[in-house]
């Protein structure tokens, strides 16, 4: 099926660009890491900046959309709303209610940032701006690791691993993986410009260097799987395969991959022990905690990412001689904090967003859709050995929520009854009227082509008049042009 770009052209508020830039710098832990290394007295400023960003995003949402954005969320993101309500409600049974309330506020604030970015910044601009910012972050990370290794590197199992301007090596690894995807998307977009292509090729090389030097095996594997998945979709689109045919092929390919993974010790293949560097023991003890409180969990933000004042909770519940910062698995962490029912709600929400992305790729394709899919695949795969879901003040979560909304926001065609309606709230009445006018024009053009085709089957000399839009006889048209 031929694809079209269903884009709604709208102006990006300067506030939205500011919030996107703040989110990229803060959500990758760059600001916190640099303040921690070079300006400890300003550490509280990072938290204040986050709170200010929440306030700006909330004000921007109400100023631009009134309460319509809330209506859209309840209609199209009900599972997400339930999930967020569950995090707040968990304070009633939390082991540390104050901490749960505090981290729930940050969770809500981070999600509001994602909403504002998604509703106001087109997906193509999210991709291009993020690509530039991540290129700068990768260059800065490589420079810090080489020039000041005491800040930019750590000793990891006898290896010197890069963490660059970010808080941890795995954080650098994941965002280097995403930076590689962004630079690939930009090279594809600017392949006709030699200078631009060379710039993004160099950016890709630096990002790949950071990925390899971070010693983050999960991120490297996530990049490989994401590239395979998106390449498969590109091939399916190029050969105009139907959705059903592509889905069947995808299921068969997934089955083959599962069989291969069972036959090959992938942990050894990527240079790790069979239990992924002790993660197996963490998973086992976390699962025991889940079985002790399967319905409610222990309260959002209580068990993981402990502080000095809350470390005793984890020490009481887990049999470790060291602090475990997270559960090293996204599903287990969510289930241990807010219970198994809400963890399954989270899985359904992920499934909903993946369906939207694949649907748009096939039916309402636009620039950036493949990157949304690649990012989602990489994030979900990384959650196998890392916990990167429902994490406040992290770009993982902000990207995951914002980009599908931005993708849907650009769709200017409302589907007919019985099909998915990907149209969020319009920015204003003028843009809504403009979008409806485009839809009507496309409909008239399709109707005219259909009429012309049916008439041509009867009379081959019939053509379409370019001035009146009427179907006329070719000989009559000739006589009119030559009186």
Protein backbone atom coordinates (compact mmCIF):
# COMPACT_ATOMS: atom_id res chain seq x y z
CA UNK A 1 0.00 0.00 0.00
CA UNK A 2 1.41 3.41 -0.90
CA UNK A 3 2.34 5.43 2.14
CA UNK A 4 1.82 9.15 2.74
CA UNK A 5 3.18 11.60 5.26
CA UNK A 6 0.28 12.64 7.45
CA UNK A 7 1.76 15.66 9.13
CA UNK A 8 0.15 18.66 10.72
CA UNK A 9 2.29 21.76 10.40
CA UNK A 10 2.32 23.82 13.56
CA UNK A 11 4.61 26.27 15.27
CA UNK A 12 6.70 25.00 18.18
CA UNK A 13 6.42 27.19 21.28
CA UNK A 14 9.83 28.39 22.54
CA UNK A 15 8.85 27.05 25.95
CA UNK A 16 8.57 23.55 24.47
CA UNK A 17 12.09 23.73 23.04
CA UNK A 18 13.42 24.92 26.39
CA UNK A 19 11.71 22.08 28.25
CA UNK A 20 12.98 19.53 25.72
CA UNK A 21 16.56 20.76 26.13
CA UNK A 22 16.29 20.77 29.94
CA UNK A 23 14.86 17.27 29.90
CA UNK A 24 17.65 15.96 27.66
CA UNK A 25 20.41 17.39 29.84
CA UNK A 26 18.81 16.51 33.17
CA UNK A 27 17.16 13.22 32.18
CA UNK A 28 20.44 11.67 31.04
CA UNK A 29 21.96 12.41 34.49
CA UNK A 30 24.45 14.79 32.84
CA UNK A 31 23.62 17.79 35.01
CA UNK A 32 23.69 15.75 38.22
CA UNK A 33 26.98 14.08 37.29
CA UNK A 34 28.74 17.34 36.42
CA UNK A 35 27.47 19.08 39.55
CA UNK A 36 28.53 16.10 41.67
CA UNK A 37 32.06 16.13 40.25
CA UNK A 38 32.74 19.83 39.89
CA UNK A 39 30.22 21.85 41.94
CA UNK A 40 28.99 19.89 44.97
CA UNK A 41 27.47 22.97 46.71
CA UNK A 42 25.07 23.35 43.77
CA UNK A 43 23.68 19.82 44.06
CA UNK A 44 20.33 21.06 45.39
CA UNK A 45 20.01 23.25 42.29
CA UNK A 46 19.44 20.15 40.16
CA UNK A 47 16.34 19.25 42.16
CA UNK A 48 15.07 22.83 42.02
CA UNK A 49 15.52 22.84 38.23
CA UNK A 50 13.43 19.69 37.95
CA UNK A 51 10.64 21.22 40.02
CA UNK A 52 10.75 24.36 37.88
CA UNK A 53 10.54 22.26 34.72
CA UNK A 54 7.47 20.46 36.07
CA UNK A 55 5.81 23.81 36.75
CA UNK A 56 6.63 25.15 33.28
CA UNK A 57 5.32 22.01 31.57
CA UNK A 58 2.09 22.07 33.57
CA UNK A 59 1.55 25.77 32.87
CA UNK A 60 2.26 25.17 29.18
CA UNK A 61 -0.28 22.34 28.98
CA UNK A 62 -3.09 24.38 30.51
CA UNK A 63 -2.17 27.53 28.56
CA UNK A 64 -2.18 25.68 25.22
CA UNK A 65 -4.95 23.14 25.71
CA UNK A 66 -7.00 24.04 28.77
CA UNK A 67 -8.35 20.78 30.22
CA UNK A 68 -8.65 19.08 26.81
CA UNK A 69 -5.31 17.34 27.28
CA UNK A 70 -6.68 15.63 30.39
CA UNK A 71 -9.70 14.43 28.41
CA UNK A 72 -7.40 13.04 25.72
CA UNK A 73 -5.30 11.20 28.31
CA UNK A 74 -8.34 9.57 29.91
CA UNK A 75 -9.57 8.50 26.48
CA UNK A 76 -6.32 7.34 24.87
CA UNK A 77 -3.94 6.78 27.79
CA UNK A 78 -6.25 5.32 30.43
CA UNK A 79 -3.78 2.57 31.31
CA UNK A 80 -1.08 5.16 31.94
CA UNK A 81 -3.47 7.19 34.11
CA UNK A 82 -4.24 4.05 36.16
CA UNK A 83 -0.53 3.35 36.51
CA UNK A 84 0.22 6.87 37.74
CA UNK A 85 -2.69 6.75 40.19
CA UNK A 86 -1.31 3.45 41.47
CA UNK A 87 2.07 5.00 42.25
CA UNK A 88 0.44 7.74 44.33
CA UNK A 89 -1.99 5.37 46.04
CA UNK A 90 0.86 3.07 47.03
CA UNK A 91 1.80 5.65 49.68
CA UNK A 92 -1.09 4.32 51.78
CA UNK A 93 0.66 0.96 52.25
CA UNK A 94 4.26 2.01 51.65
CA UNK A 95 7.01 1.18 54.13
CA UNK A 96 8.03 4.85 53.85
CA UNK A 97 4.95 6.93 52.86
CA UNK A 98 6.83 10.24 52.81
CA UNK A 99 9.43 8.93 50.38
CA UNK A 100 6.74 7.39 48.19
CA UNK A 101 4.83 10.67 48.01
CA UNK A 102 8.02 12.56 47.18
CA UNK A 103 9.04 10.20 44.40
CA UNK A 104 5.46 9.97 43.10
CA UNK A 105 5.47 13.76 42.69
CA UNK A 106 8.64 13.48 40.65
CA UNK A 107 7.02 10.66 38.65
CA UNK A 108 3.96 12.78 37.87
CA UNK A 109 6.18 15.77 37.07
CA UNK A 110 8.37 13.76 34.69
CA UNK A 111 5.25 12.49 32.93
CA UNK A 112 3.86 16.02 32.59
CA UNK A 113 7.10 17.00 30.87
CA UNK A 114 6.60 14.10 28.48
CA UNK A 115 3.01 15.16 27.79
CA UNK A 116 3.97 18.74 27.00
CA UNK A 117 6.81 17.69 24.69
CA UNK A 118 4.58 15.14 22.96
CA UNK A 119 1.71 17.56 22.38
CA UNK A 120 3.80 20.52 21.19
CA UNK A 121 6.96 19.28 19.43
CA UNK A 122 6.66 17.40 16.10
CA UNK A 123 8.35 14.01 16.10
CA UNK A 124 10.79 15.01 13.36
CA UNK A 125 11.98 17.92 15.51
CA UNK A 126 12.25 15.72 18.59
CA UNK A 127 14.55 13.42 16.59
CA UNK A 128 16.71 16.19 15.09
CA UNK A 129 17.11 18.17 18.33
CA UNK A 130 17.85 15.03 20.33
CA UNK A 131 20.41 13.93 17.74
CA UNK A 132 22.29 17.21 18.08
CA UNK A 133 22.16 17.19 21.89
CA UNK A 134 23.30 13.57 22.14
CA UNK A 135 26.13 14.23 19.70
CA UNK A 136 27.36 16.98 22.03
CA UNK A 137 26.98 14.69 25.05
CA UNK A 138 28.91 11.88 23.35
CA UNK A 139 31.74 14.23 22.36
CA UNK A 140 31.82 15.60 25.91
CA UNK A 141 31.82 12.07 27.36
CA UNK A 142 34.72 10.96 25.17
CA UNK A 143 36.63 14.13 26.00
CA UNK A 144 36.10 13.77 29.75
CA UNK A 145 37.06 10.08 29.71
CA UNK A 146 40.29 10.82 27.83
CA UNK A 147 41.28 14.14 29.43
CA UNK A 148 40.10 13.54 33.02
CA UNK A 149 39.80 9.77 33.48
CA UNK A 150 39.35 10.15 37.25
CA UNK A 151 35.93 11.65 36.48
CA UNK A 152 35.02 10.08 33.15
CA UNK A 153 35.95 6.43 33.78
CA UNK A 154 35.49 3.73 36.41
CA UNK A 155 37.19 0.42 37.16
CA UNK A 156 34.78 -2.39 36.24
CA UNK A 157 35.87 -6.00 36.73
CA UNK A 158 39.46 -5.12 35.91
CA UNK A 159 38.48 -3.04 32.87
CA UNK A 160 38.50 0.72 32.44
CA UNK A 161 34.93 1.56 31.48
CA UNK A 162 33.75 4.97 30.32
CA UNK A 163 30.89 6.78 32.00
CA UNK A 164 31.69 10.18 30.50
CA UNK A 165 29.49 13.05 31.65
CA UNK A 166 26.84 10.65 32.91
CA UNK A 167 26.32 9.04 36.28
CA UNK A 168 27.17 5.42 35.38
CA UNK A 169 28.73 3.39 32.62
CA UNK A 170 25.45 1.64 31.76
CA UNK A 171 23.74 5.03 31.49
CA UNK A 172 26.36 6.16 28.99
CA UNK A 173 26.05 2.83 27.19
CA UNK A 174 22.29 3.09 26.74
CA UNK A 175 22.30 6.69 25.55
CA UNK A 176 25.25 5.97 23.26
CA UNK A 177 23.07 3.21 21.79
CA UNK A 178 20.22 5.69 21.29
CA UNK A 179 22.64 8.25 19.87
CA UNK A 180 23.74 5.69 17.26
CA UNK A 181 20.09 5.23 16.25
CA UNK A 182 19.55 8.99 16.05
CA UNK A 183 22.60 9.54 13.87
CA UNK A 184 21.49 6.73 11.55
CA UNK A 185 18.08 8.43 11.24
CA UNK A 186 19.75 11.76 10.48
CA UNK A 187 22.07 10.22 7.89
CA UNK A 188 19.04 8.71 6.17
CA UNK A 189 17.31 12.11 6.22
CA UNK A 190 20.33 14.08 4.93
CA UNK A 191 21.94 11.52 2.63
CA UNK A 192 21.77 13.91 -0.34
CA UNK A 193 23.99 16.46 1.39
CA UNK A 194 27.58 15.24 1.47
CA UNK A 195 28.59 17.59 4.28
CA UNK A 196 25.64 16.68 6.49
CA UNK A 197 26.12 12.98 5.81
CA UNK A 198 29.80 13.19 6.79
CA UNK A 199 28.90 15.09 9.98
CA UNK A 200 26.39 12.46 11.07
CA UNK A 201 28.74 9.65 10.07
CA UNK A 202 31.38 11.15 12.37
CA UNK A 203 28.76 11.54 15.12
CA UNK A 204 27.85 7.88 14.67
CA UNK A 205 31.50 6.87 15.05
CA UNK A 206 31.88 8.83 18.30
CA UNK A 207 28.63 7.39 19.66
CA UNK A 208 29.71 3.85 18.80
CA UNK A 209 33.07 4.46 20.48
CA UNK A 210 31.29 5.56 23.67
CA UNK A 211 29.03 2.50 23.48
CA UNK A 212 31.95 0.10 23.15
CA UNK A 213 34.05 1.83 25.82
CA UNK A 214 31.16 1.84 28.30
CA UNK A 215 31.37 -1.97 28.48
CA UNK A 216 27.57 -2.06 28.50
CA UNK A 217 26.79 -5.40 26.93
CA UNK A 218 23.02 -5.02 27.28
CA UNK A 219 23.04 -1.73 25.37
CA UNK A 220 25.18 -3.23 22.61
CA UNK A 221 22.75 -6.13 22.29
CA UNK A 222 19.80 -3.70 22.34
CA UNK A 223 21.31 -1.74 19.44
CA UNK A 224 21.76 -4.90 17.38
CA UNK A 225 18.21 -6.15 17.95
CA UNK A 226 16.70 -2.71 17.28
CA UNK A 227 18.58 -2.37 14.00
CA UNK A 228 17.42 -5.86 12.92
CA UNK A 229 13.78 -5.10 13.77
CA UNK A 230 13.68 -1.74 12.04
CA UNK A 231 15.58 -3.07 9.01
CA UNK A 232 12.99 -5.81 8.70
CA UNK A 233 10.19 -3.25 8.69
CA UNK A 234 11.98 -1.12 6.11
CA UNK A 235 12.36 -4.15 3.83
CA UNK A 236 8.70 -5.06 4.35
CA UNK A 237 7.69 -1.53 3.42
CA UNK A 238 10.03 -1.40 0.42
CA UNK A 239 8.51 -4.59 -1.02
CA UNK A 240 5.01 -3.46 -0.06
CA UNK A 241 4.27 -6.46 2.10
CA UNK A 242 0.92 -6.46 3.82
CA UNK A 243 0.58 -6.14 7.56
CA UNK A 244 -0.56 -9.75 7.97
CA UNK A 245 2.30 -11.14 5.85
CA UNK A 246 4.86 -9.08 7.72
CA UNK A 247 3.41 -10.11 11.09
CA UNK A 248 3.61 -13.80 10.19
CA UNK A 249 7.20 -13.40 9.04
CA UNK A 250 8.04 -11.49 12.23
CA UNK A 251 6.60 -14.27 14.39
CA UNK A 252 8.57 -16.90 12.48
CA UNK A 253 11.77 -14.85 12.75
CA UNK A 254 11.20 -14.34 16.47
CA UNK A 255 10.78 -18.09 16.91
CA UNK A 256 14.06 -18.76 15.14
CA UNK A 257 15.83 -16.15 17.30
CA UNK A 258 14.44 -17.72 20.49
CA UNK A 259 15.70 -21.16 19.41
CA UNK A 260 19.13 -19.74 18.62
CA UNK A 261 19.29 -17.92 21.95
CA UNK A 262 18.52 -21.18 23.74
CA UNK A 263 21.30 -22.98 21.91
CA UNK A 264 23.91 -20.22 22.40
CA UNK A 265 25.12 -18.94 25.75
CA UNK A 266 24.46 -15.31 24.98
CA UNK A 267 25.80 -14.19 28.36
CA UNK A 268 29.21 -15.58 27.46
CA UNK A 269 28.86 -14.24 23.93
CA UNK A 270 28.61 -10.66 25.21
CA UNK A 271 31.33 -11.19 27.80
CA UNK A 272 29.36 -11.73 30.99
CA UNK A 273 28.89 -14.53 33.47
CA UNK A 274 25.92 -16.87 33.18
CA UNK A 275 23.90 -14.95 35.78
CA UNK A 276 24.66 -11.57 34.17
CA UNK A 277 27.18 -10.46 36.81
CA UNK A 278 25.19 -11.52 39.86
CA UNK A 279 21.83 -10.26 38.63
CA UNK A 280 20.34 -13.75 39.00
CA UNK A 281 20.57 -13.55 42.78
CA UNK A 282 18.94 -10.11 42.79
CA UNK A 283 16.07 -11.41 40.64
CA UNK A 284 15.57 -14.39 42.94
CA UNK A 285 15.31 -12.31 46.09
CA UNK A 286 13.14 -9.69 44.40
CA UNK A 287 10.71 -12.38 43.28
CA UNK A 288 10.43 -13.62 46.87
CA UNK A 289 9.52 -10.09 47.95
CA UNK A 290 6.86 -9.94 45.24
CA UNK A 291 5.31 -13.19 46.44
CA UNK A 292 5.15 -11.80 49.97
CA UNK A 293 3.13 -8.78 48.74
CA UNK A 294 1.80 -9.75 45.30
CA UNK A 295 -1.13 -7.30 45.21
CA UNK A 296 0.26 -4.10 46.67
CA UNK A 297 4.04 -4.23 46.63
CA UNK A 298 6.09 -2.25 49.13
CA UNK A 299 5.35 1.26 47.87
CA UNK A 300 6.66 3.21 44.91
CA UNK A 301 10.27 4.31 45.35
CA UNK A 302 10.72 2.62 48.72
CA UNK A 303 12.93 -0.39 47.97
CA UNK A 304 15.13 0.83 45.15
CA UNK A 305 17.52 3.74 44.68
CA UNK A 306 18.00 3.91 48.45
CA UNK A 307 19.26 7.00 50.24
CA UNK A 308 21.27 7.11 53.45
CA UNK A 309 18.07 7.50 55.47
CA UNK A 310 16.19 4.67 53.70
CA UNK A 311 18.97 2.12 53.17
CA UNK A 312 17.82 0.22 56.27
CA UNK A 313 14.60 -0.86 54.47
CA UNK A 314 16.50 -2.73 51.79
CA UNK A 315 18.96 -4.20 54.27
CA UNK A 316 16.04 -5.56 56.30
CA UNK A 317 14.29 -7.18 53.33
CA UNK A 318 17.18 -8.33 51.15
CA UNK A 319 20.00 -10.63 52.14
CA UNK A 320 22.87 -8.66 50.61
CA UNK A 321 26.05 -7.26 52.06
CA UNK A 322 25.92 -4.31 49.66
CA UNK A 323 23.27 -1.84 48.52
CA UNK A 324 21.39 -2.85 45.37
CA UNK A 325 20.32 0.30 43.55
CA UNK A 326 17.65 -1.34 41.42
CA UNK A 327 16.12 -4.74 40.69
CA UNK A 328 18.01 -5.14 37.37
CA UNK A 329 14.70 -5.98 35.69
CA UNK A 330 11.96 -3.52 34.81
CA UNK A 331 8.97 -5.82 35.39
CA UNK A 332 10.28 -7.18 38.71
CA UNK A 333 10.99 -3.68 39.97
CA UNK A 334 7.51 -2.38 39.12
CA UNK A 335 5.86 -5.48 40.61
CA UNK A 336 7.87 -5.22 43.83
CA UNK A 337 6.94 -1.55 44.26
CA UNK A 338 3.27 -1.34 43.27
CA UNK A 339 2.17 -4.98 42.92
CA UNK A 340 1.61 -7.52 40.17
CA UNK A 341 -1.80 -6.19 38.98
CA UNK A 342 -0.36 -2.77 38.17
CA UNK A 343 2.74 -4.40 36.68
CA UNK A 344 0.46 -6.18 34.19
CA UNK A 345 -1.32 -2.85 33.52
CA UNK A 346 2.12 -1.49 32.63
CA UNK A 347 2.65 -4.36 30.18
CA UNK A 348 -0.70 -3.64 28.53
CA UNK A 349 0.26 0.02 28.21
CA UNK A 350 3.52 -0.97 26.52
CA UNK A 351 1.58 -3.24 24.15
CA UNK A 352 -0.83 -0.40 23.31
CA UNK A 353 1.99 1.97 22.41
CA UNK A 354 3.79 -0.63 20.32
CA UNK A 355 0.57 -1.28 18.36
CA UNK A 356 0.24 2.46 17.74
CA UNK A 357 3.81 2.71 16.48
CA UNK A 358 3.49 -0.26 14.13
CA UNK A 359 0.10 0.98 12.94
CA UNK A 360 1.51 4.40 12.09
CA UNK A 361 4.48 2.81 10.33
CA UNK A 362 2.13 0.98 7.98
CA UNK A 363 -0.86 3.29 7.68
CA UNK A 364 0.25 6.81 8.63
CA UNK A 365 3.99 6.79 8.07
CA UNK A 366 5.99 9.87 8.98
CA UNK A 367 9.57 10.88 9.62
CA UNK A 368 10.75 9.48 12.94
CA UNK A 369 8.34 6.56 13.32
CA UNK A 370 11.09 3.99 12.85
CA UNK A 371 13.18 5.70 15.53
CA UNK A 372 10.25 5.50 17.97
CA UNK A 373 10.06 1.78 17.27
CA UNK A 374 13.83 1.32 17.59
CA UNK A 375 13.93 3.23 20.87
CA UNK A 376 11.00 1.23 22.27
CA UNK A 377 12.64 -2.07 21.35
CA UNK A 378 15.97 -1.01 22.87
CA UNK A 379 14.30 0.22 26.06
CA UNK A 380 12.24 -2.93 26.51
CA UNK A 381 15.23 -5.16 25.85
CA UNK A 382 17.41 -3.20 28.28
CA UNK A 383 14.76 -3.74 30.95
CA UNK A 384 15.72 -7.41 30.95
CA UNK A 385 18.89 -6.70 32.93
CA UNK A 386 18.32 -3.06 33.95
CA UNK A 387 15.34 -1.29 35.53
CA UNK A 388 14.37 1.58 33.24
CA UNK A 389 10.59 1.62 33.40
CA UNK A 390 8.47 3.92 35.56
CA UNK A 391 11.61 5.75 36.71
CA UNK A 392 11.17 9.39 37.64
CA UNK A 393 13.49 12.14 36.42
CA UNK A 394 14.89 9.94 33.67
CA UNK A 395 14.82 10.46 29.93
CA UNK A 396 13.98 6.77 29.47
CA UNK A 397 10.47 7.41 30.72
CA UNK A 398 10.07 10.86 29.18
CA UNK A 399 11.02 9.64 25.71
CA UNK A 400 8.86 6.52 26.03
CA UNK A 401 5.76 8.59 26.85
CA UNK A 402 6.42 11.69 24.72
CA UNK A 403 7.40 10.25 21.34
CA UNK A 404 4.28 8.13 20.64
CA UNK A 405 2.12 11.13 21.57
CA UNK A 406 4.17 13.36 19.26
CA UNK A 407 3.81 10.75 16.54
CA UNK A 408 0.03 10.72 16.93
CA UNK A 409 -0.15 14.50 17.22
CA UNK A 410 1.24 14.84 13.71
CA UNK A 411 -1.42 12.63 12.19
CA UNK A 412 -3.92 14.94 10.49
CA UNK A 413 -6.36 12.31 9.19
CA UNK A 414 -9.12 11.03 11.45
CA UNK A 415 -9.85 7.37 10.86
CA UNK A 416 -13.36 6.21 10.11
CA UNK A 417 -15.66 4.24 12.41
CA UNK A 418 -14.31 0.96 13.72
CA UNK A 419 -10.64 1.88 13.31
CA UNK A 420 -8.01 3.38 15.56
CA UNK A 421 -8.32 7.15 15.84
CA UNK A 422 -4.77 8.41 16.19
CA UNK A 423 -5.70 12.10 16.42
CA UNK A 424 -4.99 13.80 19.73
CA UNK A 425 -6.35 17.22 20.57
CA UNK A 426 -5.79 19.84 17.86
CA UNK A 427 -3.65 22.81 18.77
CA UNK A 428 -6.35 25.30 17.80
CA UNK A 429 -9.47 25.70 15.68
CA UNK A 430 -7.58 27.21 12.75
CA UNK A 431 -5.26 24.21 12.50
CA UNK A 432 -8.20 21.84 12.88
CA UNK A 433 -10.00 23.55 9.97
CA UNK A 434 -6.81 23.41 7.89
CA UNK A 435 -6.43 19.71 8.57
CA UNK A 436 -10.07 19.02 7.71
CA UNK A 437 -9.69 20.99 4.48
CA UNK A 438 -6.71 18.82 3.52
CA UNK A 439 -8.69 15.68 4.28
CA UNK A 440 -11.61 16.90 2.15
CA UNK A 441 -9.26 17.77 -0.70
CA UNK A 442 -7.67 14.31 -0.62
CA UNK A 443 -11.14 12.76 -0.60
CA UNK A 444 -12.21 14.83 -3.63
CA UNK A 445 -9.04 13.88 -5.50
CA UNK A 446 -9.56 10.19 -4.79
CA UNK A 447 -13.19 10.40 -5.90
CA UNK A 448 -12.25 12.21 -9.11
CA UNK A 449 -9.56 9.64 -9.94
CA UNK A 450 -12.04 6.83 -9.32
CA UNK A 451 -14.63 8.44 -11.62
CA UNK A 452 -12.03 9.08 -14.29
CA UNK A 453 -10.83 5.50 -14.15
CA UNK A 454 -14.34 4.09 -14.52
CA UNK A 455 -15.14 6.40 -17.46
CA UNK A 456 -11.87 5.56 -19.19
CA UNK A 457 -12.82 1.90 -19.17
CA UNK A 458 -15.72 2.89 -21.45
CA UNK A 459 -14.05 5.64 -23.52
CA UNK A 460 -10.21 5.72 -23.65
CA UNK A 461 -10.28 9.28 -25.04
CA UNK A 462 -11.71 10.69 -21.84
CA UNK A 463 -9.40 12.77 -19.65
CA UNK A 464 -9.72 15.09 -16.66
CA UNK A 465 -10.06 18.83 -17.15
CA UNK A 466 -7.31 20.67 -15.26
CA UNK A 467 -9.27 23.89 -14.92
CA UNK A 468 -12.80 22.82 -14.04
CA UNK A 469 -12.14 19.41 -12.49
CA UNK A 470 -14.80 17.87 -14.78
CA UNK A 471 -14.47 14.69 -16.81
CA UNK A 472 -14.70 15.67 -20.49
CA UNK A 473 -14.18 14.03 -23.84
CA UNK A 474 -10.74 14.35 -25.34
CA UNK A 475 -12.04 15.50 -28.75
CA UNK A 476 -14.20 18.20 -27.19
CA UNK A 477 -11.18 19.40 -25.20
CA UNK A 478 -9.17 19.56 -28.41
CA UNK A 479 -11.84 21.63 -30.16
CA UNK A 480 -12.03 24.00 -27.17
CA UNK A 481 -8.28 24.61 -27.29
CA UNK A 482 -8.34 25.13 -31.08
CA UNK A 483 -11.52 27.06 -32.01
